[in-house]
Amino acid sequence: MGTGRTLRKESHVRPCKTPAGKANKNAAQRRRLVKFGMKEEDVKVMGDEEVRVLVQRPTVVKKLVARQQA
């Protein structure tokens, strides 16, 4: 058995996300948008990428909701 570099170095590769993990994360982000005040019907129509962008900016979401209600 060797004692070379391959046995000493740490793993730098992250594990792949499973489809179930990805679906859970998407569902959690959609629930978060509904908690911010968006309508559930509107959130269901959105794509995953659009949901991801909106979750990153909660103040923008709250402004959008305020405009819709006014």
PDB file of N, CA and C in Angstrom:
ATOM      1  N   MET A   1       0.841  -1.172   0.000  1.00  0.00           N
ATOM      2  CA  MET A   1       0.000   0.000   0.000  1.00  0.00           C
ATOM      3  C   MET A   1       0.883   1.230   0.000  1.00  0.00           C
ATOM      4  N   GLY A   2       0.489   2.231  -0.803  1.00  0.00           N
ATOM      5  CA  GLY A   2       1.310   3.423  -0.935  1.00  0.00           C
ATOM      6  C   GLY A   2       1.043   4.447   0.150  1.00  0.00           C
ATOM      7  N   THR A   3       1.975   5.385   0.244  1.00  0.00           N
ATOM      8  CA  THR A   3       1.818   6.494   1.192  1.00  0.00           C
ATOM      9  C   THR A   3       1.990   7.810   0.453  1.00  0.00           C
ATOM     10  N   GLY A   4       1.641   7.802  -0.814  1.00  0.00           N
ATOM     11  CA  GLY A   4       1.874   8.959  -1.662  1.00  0.00           C
ATOM     12  C   GLY A   4       0.877  10.083  -1.449  1.00  0.00           C
ATOM     13  N   ARG A   5       0.940  11.043  -2.341  1.00  0.00           N
ATOM     14  CA  ARG A   5       0.147  12.264  -2.251  1.00  0.00           C
ATOM     15  C   ARG A   5      -1.355  11.990  -2.305  1.00  0.00           C
ATOM     16  N   THR A   6      -1.762  10.987  -3.084  1.00  0.00           N
ATOM     17  CA  THR A   6      -3.194  10.725  -3.228  1.00  0.00           C
ATOM     18  C   THR A   6      -3.835  10.314  -1.913  1.00  0.00           C
ATOM     19  N   LEU A   7      -3.076   9.755  -1.015  1.00  0.00           N
ATOM     20  CA  LEU A   7      -3.642   9.345   0.273  1.00  0.00           C
ATOM     21  C   LEU A   7      -3.601  10.476   1.298  1.00  0.00           C
ATOM     22  N   ARG A   8      -2.758  11.471   1.095  1.00  0.00           N
ATOM     23  CA  ARG A   8      -2.626  12.567   2.059  1.00  0.00           C
ATOM     24  C   ARG A   8      -3.571  13.724   1.784  1.00  0.00           C
ATOM     25  N   LYS A   9      -3.890  13.971   0.524  1.00  0.00           N
ATOM     26  CA  LYS A   9      -4.649  15.176   0.201  1.00  0.00           C
ATOM     27  C   LYS A   9      -6.127  15.009   0.550  1.00  0.00           C
ATOM     28  N   GLU A  10      -6.744  16.124   0.885  1.00  0.00           N
ATOM     29  CA  GLU A  10      -8.159  16.106   1.244  1.00  0.00           C
ATOM     30  C   GLU A  10      -9.015  16.150  -0.021  1.00  0.00           C
ATOM     31  N   SER A  11     -10.229  15.729   0.122  1.00  0.00           N
ATOM     32  CA  SER A  11     -11.150  15.763  -1.000  1.00  0.00           C
ATOM     33  C   SER A  11     -11.623  17.194  -1.219  1.00  0.00           C
ATOM     34  N   HIS A  12     -11.524  17.681  -2.424  1.00  0.00           N
ATOM     35  CA  HIS A  12     -11.949  19.034  -2.752  1.00  0.00           C
ATOM     36  C   HIS A  12     -13.204  19.023  -3.612  1.00  0.00           C
ATOM     37  N   VAL A  13     -13.815  17.884  -3.761  1.00  0.00           N
ATOM     38  CA  VAL A  13     -14.987  17.770  -4.603  1.00  0.00           C
ATOM     39  C   VAL A  13     -16.218  17.676  -3.705  1.00  0.00           C
ATOM     40  N   ARG A  14     -17.172  18.554  -3.953  1.00  0.00           N
ATOM     41  CA  ARG A  14     -18.403  18.518  -3.171  1.00  0.00           C
ATOM     42  C   ARG A  14     -19.310  17.417  -3.709  1.00  0.00           C
ATOM     43  N   PRO A  15     -20.101  16.806  -2.861  1.00  0.00           N
ATOM     44  CA  PRO A  15     -21.015  15.776  -3.359  1.00  0.00           C
ATOM     45  C   PRO A  15     -22.118  16.382  -4.217  1.00  0.00           C
ATOM     46  N   CYS A  16     -22.611  15.623  -5.173  1.00  0.00           N
ATOM     47  CA  CYS A  16     -23.674  16.089  -6.048  1.00  0.00           C
ATOM     48  C   CYS A  16     -24.983  16.173  -5.274  1.00  0.00           C
ATOM     49  N   LYS A  17     -25.805  17.155  -5.622  1.00  0.00           N
ATOM     50  CA  LYS A  17     -27.114  17.277  -4.993  1.00  0.00           C
ATOM     51  C   LYS A  17     -28.054  16.255  -5.614  1.00  0.00           C
ATOM     52  N   THR A  18     -28.769  15.547  -4.774  1.00  0.00           N
ATOM     53  CA  THR A  18     -29.705  14.549  -5.270  1.00  0.00           C
ATOM     54  C   THR A  18     -30.960  15.249  -5.790  1.00  0.00           C
ATOM     55  N   PRO A  19     -31.697  14.614  -6.681  1.00  0.00           N
ATOM     56  CA  PRO A  19     -32.948  15.226  -7.163  1.00  0.00           C
ATOM     57  C   PRO A  19     -33.940  15.507  -6.031  1.00  0.00           C
ATOM     58  N   ALA A  20     -33.984  14.626  -5.043  1.00  0.00           N
ATOM     59  CA  ALA A  20     -34.901  14.839  -3.915  1.00  0.00           C
ATOM     60  C   ALA A  20     -34.473  16.054  -3.099  1.00  0.00           C
ATOM     61  N   GLY A  21     -33.170  16.215  -2.891  1.00  0.00           N
ATOM     62  CA  GLY A  21     -32.676  17.371  -2.152  1.00  0.00           C
ATOM     63  C   GLY A  21     -32.959  18.675  -2.881  1.00  0.00           C
ATOM     64  N   LYS A  22     -32.817  18.643  -4.189  1.00  0.00           N
ATOM     65  CA  LYS A  22     -33.081  19.825  -4.989  1.00  0.00           C
ATOM     66  C   LYS A  22     -34.573  20.188  -4.949  1.00  0.00           C
ATOM     67  N   ALA A  23     -35.429  19.176  -5.023  1.00  0.00           N
ATOM     68  CA  ALA A  23     -36.876  19.413  -4.969  1.00  0.00           C
ATOM     69  C   ALA A  23     -37.282  19.978  -3.608  1.00  0.00           C
ATOM     70  N   ASN A  24     -36.670  19.469  -2.545  1.00  0.00           N
ATOM     71  CA  ASN A  24     -36.976  19.977  -1.205  1.00  0.00           C
ATOM     72  C   ASN A  24     -36.570  21.437  -1.071  1.00  0.00           C
ATOM     73  N   LYS A  25     -35.410  21.776  -1.622  1.00  0.00           N
ATOM     74  CA  LYS A  25     -34.942  23.158  -1.537  1.00  0.00           C
ATOM     75  C   LYS A  25     -35.856  24.092  -2.338  1.00  0.00           C
ATOM     76  N   ASN A  26     -36.268  23.658  -3.529  1.00  0.00           N
ATOM     77  CA  ASN A  26     -37.185  24.469  -4.340  1.00  0.00           C
ATOM     78  C   ASN A  26     -38.514  24.679  -3.628  1.00  0.00           C
ATOM     79  N   ALA A  27     -39.025  23.626  -2.996  1.00  0.00           N
ATOM     80  CA  ALA A  27     -40.294  23.733  -2.277  1.00  0.00           C
ATOM     81  C   ALA A  27     -40.163  24.687  -1.089  1.00  0.00           C
ATOM     82  N   ALA A  28     -39.030  24.627  -0.387  1.00  0.00           N
ATOM     83  CA  ALA A  28     -38.812  25.523   0.752  1.00  0.00           C
ATOM     84  C   ALA A  28     -38.736  26.974   0.294  1.00  0.00           C
ATOM     85  N   GLN A  29     -38.097  27.211  -0.851  1.00  0.00           N
ATOM     86  CA  GLN A  29     -37.991  28.575  -1.365  1.00  0.00           C
ATOM     87  C   GLN A  29     -39.357  29.099  -1.792  1.00  0.00           C
ATOM     88  N   ARG A  30     -40.178  28.255  -2.364  1.00  0.00           N
ATOM     89  CA  ARG A  30     -41.532  28.667  -2.754  1.00  0.00           C
ATOM     90  C   ARG A  30     -42.364  29.010  -1.517  1.00  0.00           C
ATOM     91  N   ARG A  31     -42.245  28.192  -0.474  1.00  0.00           N
ATOM     92  CA  ARG A  31     -42.965  28.486   0.777  1.00  0.00           C
ATOM     93  C   ARG A  31     -42.494  29.805   1.376  1.00  0.00           C
ATOM     94  N   ARG A  32     -41.215  30.095   1.249  1.00  0.00           N
ATOM     95  CA  ARG A  32     -40.669  31.349   1.773  1.00  0.00           C
ATOM     96  C   ARG A  32     -41.273  32.547   1.042  1.00  0.00           C
ATOM     97  N   LEU A  33     -41.438  32.430  -0.280  1.00  0.00           N
ATOM     98  CA  LEU A  33     -42.051  33.525  -1.039  1.00  0.00           C
ATOM     99  C   LEU A  33     -43.501  33.743  -0.615  1.00  0.00           C
ATOM    100  N   VAL A  34     -44.225  32.663  -0.333  1.00  0.00           N
ATOM    101  CA  VAL A  34     -45.603  32.795   0.127  1.00  0.00           C
ATOM    102  C   VAL A  34     -45.629  33.487   1.486  1.00  0.00           C
ATOM    103  N   LYS A  35     -44.668  33.184   2.355  1.00  0.00           N
ATOM    104  CA  LYS A  35     -44.591  33.862   3.651  1.00  0.00           C
ATOM    105  C   LYS A  35     -44.278  35.338   3.497  1.00  0.00           C
ATOM    106  N   PHE A  36     -43.560  35.702   2.453  1.00  0.00           N
ATOM    107  CA  PHE A  36     -43.267  37.120   2.206  1.00  0.00           C
ATOM    108  C   PHE A  36     -44.515  37.873   1.767  1.00  0.00           C
ATOM    109  N   GLY A  37     -45.560  37.163   1.363  1.00  0.00           N
ATOM    110  CA  GLY A  37     -46.807  37.819   1.020  1.00  0.00           C
ATOM    111  C   GLY A  37     -47.269  37.608  -0.416  1.00  0.00           C
ATOM    112  N   MET A  38     -46.525  36.863  -1.203  1.00  0.00           N
ATOM    113  CA  MET A  38     -46.941  36.617  -2.580  1.00  0.00           C
ATOM    114  C   MET A  38     -48.071  35.602  -2.598  1.00  0.00           C
ATOM    115  N   LYS A  39     -48.899  35.666  -3.630  1.00  0.00           N
ATOM    116  CA  LYS A  39     -49.999  34.714  -3.763  1.00  0.00           C
ATOM    117  C   LYS A  39     -49.449  33.353  -4.161  1.00  0.00           C
ATOM    118  N   GLU A  40     -50.038  32.309  -3.582  1.00  0.00           N
ATOM    119  CA  GLU A  40     -49.557  30.963  -3.843  1.00  0.00           C
ATOM    120  C   GLU A  40     -49.741  30.576  -5.315  1.00  0.00           C
ATOM    121  N   GLU A  41     -50.798  31.061  -5.942  1.00  0.00           N
ATOM    122  CA  GLU A  41     -51.037  30.751  -7.354  1.00  0.00           C
ATOM    123  C   GLU A  41     -49.942  31.343  -8.236  1.00  0.00           C
ATOM    124  N   ASP A  42     -49.497  32.567  -7.886  1.00  0.00           N
ATOM    125  CA  ASP A  42     -48.432  33.215  -8.661  1.00  0.00           C
ATOM    126  C   ASP A  42     -47.105  32.471  -8.504  1.00  0.00           C
ATOM    127  N   VAL A  43     -46.849  31.992  -7.307  1.00  0.00           N
ATOM    128  CA  VAL A  43     -45.589  31.296  -7.038  1.00  0.00           C
ATOM    129  C   VAL A  43     -45.563  29.949  -7.761  1.00  0.00           C
ATOM    130  N   LYS A  44     -46.698  29.280  -7.849  1.00  0.00           N
ATOM    131  CA  LYS A  44     -46.759  27.982  -8.534  1.00  0.00           C
ATOM    132  C   LYS A  44     -46.422  28.109 -10.019  1.00  0.00           C
ATOM    133  N   VAL A  45     -46.788  29.247 -10.627  1.00  0.00           N
ATOM    134  CA  VAL A  45     -46.567  29.448 -12.061  1.00  0.00           C
ATOM    135  C   VAL A  45     -45.100  29.743 -12.361  1.00  0.00           C
ATOM    136  N   MET A  46     -44.385  30.322 -11.408  1.00  0.00           N
ATOM    137  CA  MET A  46     -42.985  30.730 -11.620  1.00  0.00           C
ATOM    138  C   MET A  46     -42.074  29.527 -11.828  1.00  0.00           C
ATOM    139  N   GLY A  47     -40.987  29.782 -12.540  1.00  0.00           N
ATOM    140  CA  GLY A  47     -39.958  28.775 -12.707  1.00  0.00           C
ATOM    141  C   GLY A  47     -39.007  28.771 -11.523  1.00  0.00           C
ATOM    142  N   ASP A  48     -38.203  27.715 -11.435  1.00  0.00           N
ATOM    143  CA  ASP A  48     -37.294  27.567 -10.300  1.00  0.00           C
ATOM    144  C   ASP A  48     -36.271  28.694 -10.222  1.00  0.00           C
ATOM    145  N   GLU A  49     -35.756  29.105 -11.373  1.00  0.00           N
ATOM    146  CA  GLU A  49     -34.727  30.147 -11.376  1.00  0.00           C
ATOM    147  C   GLU A  49     -35.298  31.488 -10.926  1.00  0.00           C
ATOM    148  N   GLU A  50     -36.510  31.793 -11.364  1.00  0.00           N
ATOM    149  CA  GLU A  50     -37.139  33.052 -10.962  1.00  0.00           C
ATOM    150  C   GLU A  50     -37.404  33.079  -9.454  1.00  0.00           C
ATOM    151  N   VAL A  51     -37.824  31.935  -8.916  1.00  0.00           N
ATOM    152  CA  VAL A  51     -38.052  31.828  -7.474  1.00  0.00           C
ATOM    153  C   VAL A  51     -36.744  32.049  -6.728  1.00  0.00           C
ATOM    154  N   ARG A  52     -35.672  31.456  -7.228  1.00  0.00           N
ATOM    155  CA  ARG A  52     -34.366  31.566  -6.581  1.00  0.00           C
ATOM    156  C   ARG A  52     -33.904  33.025  -6.519  1.00  0.00           C
ATOM    157  N   VAL A  53     -34.128  33.761  -7.604  1.00  0.00           N
ATOM    158  CA  VAL A  53     -33.715  35.163  -7.647  1.00  0.00           C
ATOM    159  C   VAL A  53     -34.529  35.996  -6.662  1.00  0.00           C
ATOM    160  N   LEU A  54     -35.836  35.754  -6.596  1.00  0.00           N
ATOM    161  CA  LEU A  54     -36.686  36.539  -5.706  1.00  0.00           C
ATOM    162  C   LEU A  54     -36.411  36.245  -4.230  1.00  0.00           C
ATOM    163  N   VAL A  55     -36.080  35.013  -3.908  1.00  0.00           N
ATOM    164  CA  VAL A  55     -35.798  34.666  -2.513  1.00  0.00           C
ATOM    165  C   VAL A  55     -34.545  35.396  -2.015  1.00  0.00           C
ATOM    166  N   GLN A  56     -33.630  35.675  -2.917  1.00  0.00           N
ATOM    167  CA  GLN A  56     -32.401  36.364  -2.531  1.00  0.00           C
ATOM    168  C   GLN A  56     -32.651  37.825  -2.188  1.00  0.00           C
ATOM    169  N   ARG A  57     -33.768  38.408  -2.638  1.00  0.00           N
ATOM    170  CA  ARG A  57     -34.064  39.820  -2.417  1.00  0.00           C
ATOM    171  C   ARG A  57     -35.454  39.989  -1.789  1.00  0.00           C
ATOM    172  N   PRO A  58     -35.580  39.744  -0.479  1.00  0.00           N
ATOM    173  CA  PRO A  58     -36.891  39.814   0.157  1.00  0.00           C
ATOM    174  C   PRO A  58     -37.485  41.220   0.171  1.00  0.00           C
ATOM    175  N   THR A  59     -36.655  42.254   0.192  1.00  0.00           N
ATOM    176  CA  THR A  59     -37.210  43.616   0.190  1.00  0.00           C
ATOM    177  C   THR A  59     -37.894  43.921  -1.140  1.00  0.00           C
ATOM    178  N   VAL A  60     -37.349  43.415  -2.221  1.00  0.00           N
ATOM    179  CA  VAL A  60     -37.962  43.610  -3.537  1.00  0.00           C
ATOM    180  C   VAL A  60     -39.309  42.895  -3.588  1.00  0.00           C
ATOM    181  N   VAL A  61     -39.379  41.703  -3.010  1.00  0.00           N
ATOM    182  CA  VAL A  61     -40.626  40.951  -2.999  1.00  0.00           C
ATOM    183  C   VAL A  61     -41.682  41.701  -2.205  1.00  0.00           C
ATOM    184  N   LYS A  62     -41.302  42.251  -1.066  1.00  0.00           N
ATOM    185  CA  LYS A  62     -42.259  42.977  -0.233  1.00  0.00           C
ATOM    186  C   LYS A  62     -42.764  44.234  -0.962  1.00  0.00           C
ATOM    187  N   LYS A  63     -41.898  44.883  -1.725  1.00  0.00           N
ATOM    188  CA  LYS A  63     -42.329  46.050  -2.508  1.00  0.00           C
ATOM    189  C   LYS A  63     -43.306  45.638  -3.610  1.00  0.00           C
ATOM    190  N   LEU A  64     -43.024  44.509  -4.268  1.00  0.00           N
ATOM    191  CA  LEU A  64     -43.928  44.008  -5.306  1.00  0.00           C
ATOM    192  C   LEU A  64     -45.307  43.677  -4.729  1.00  0.00           C
ATOM    193  N   VAL A  65     -45.323  43.071  -3.565  1.00  0.00           N
ATOM    194  CA  VAL A  65     -46.581  42.709  -2.920  1.00  0.00           C
ATOM    195  C   VAL A  65     -47.348  43.981  -2.539  1.00  0.00           C
ATOM    196  N   ALA A  66     -46.631  44.987  -2.042  1.00  0.00           N
ATOM    197  CA  ALA A  66     -47.286  46.234  -1.661  1.00  0.00           C
ATOM    198  C   ALA A  66     -47.901  46.924  -2.871  1.00  0.00           C
ATOM    199  N   ARG A  67     -47.210  46.882  -4.013  1.00  0.00           N
ATOM    200  CA  ARG A  67     -47.742  47.479  -5.251  1.00  0.00           C
ATOM    201  C   ARG A  67     -48.994  46.748  -5.723  1.00  0.00           C
ATOM    202  N   GLN A  68     -48.996  45.435  -5.620  1.00  0.00           N
ATOM    203  CA  GLN A  68     -50.142  44.643  -6.050  1.00  0.00           C
ATOM    204  C   GLN A  68     -51.360  44.903  -5.167  1.00  0.00           C
ATOM    205  N   GLN A  69     -51.127  45.109  -3.886  1.00  0.00           N
ATOM    206  CA  GLN A  69     -52.240  45.348  -2.970  1.00  0.00           C
ATOM    207  C   GLN A  69     -52.786  46.753  -3.084  1.00  0.00           C
ATOM    208  N   ALA A  70     -51.954  47.691  -3.504  1.00  0.00           N
ATOM    209  CA  ALA A  70     -52.395  49.093  -3.603  1.00  0.00           C
ATOM    210  C   ALA A  70     -53.200  49.358  -4.866  1.00  0.00           C
TER     211      ALA A  70
END
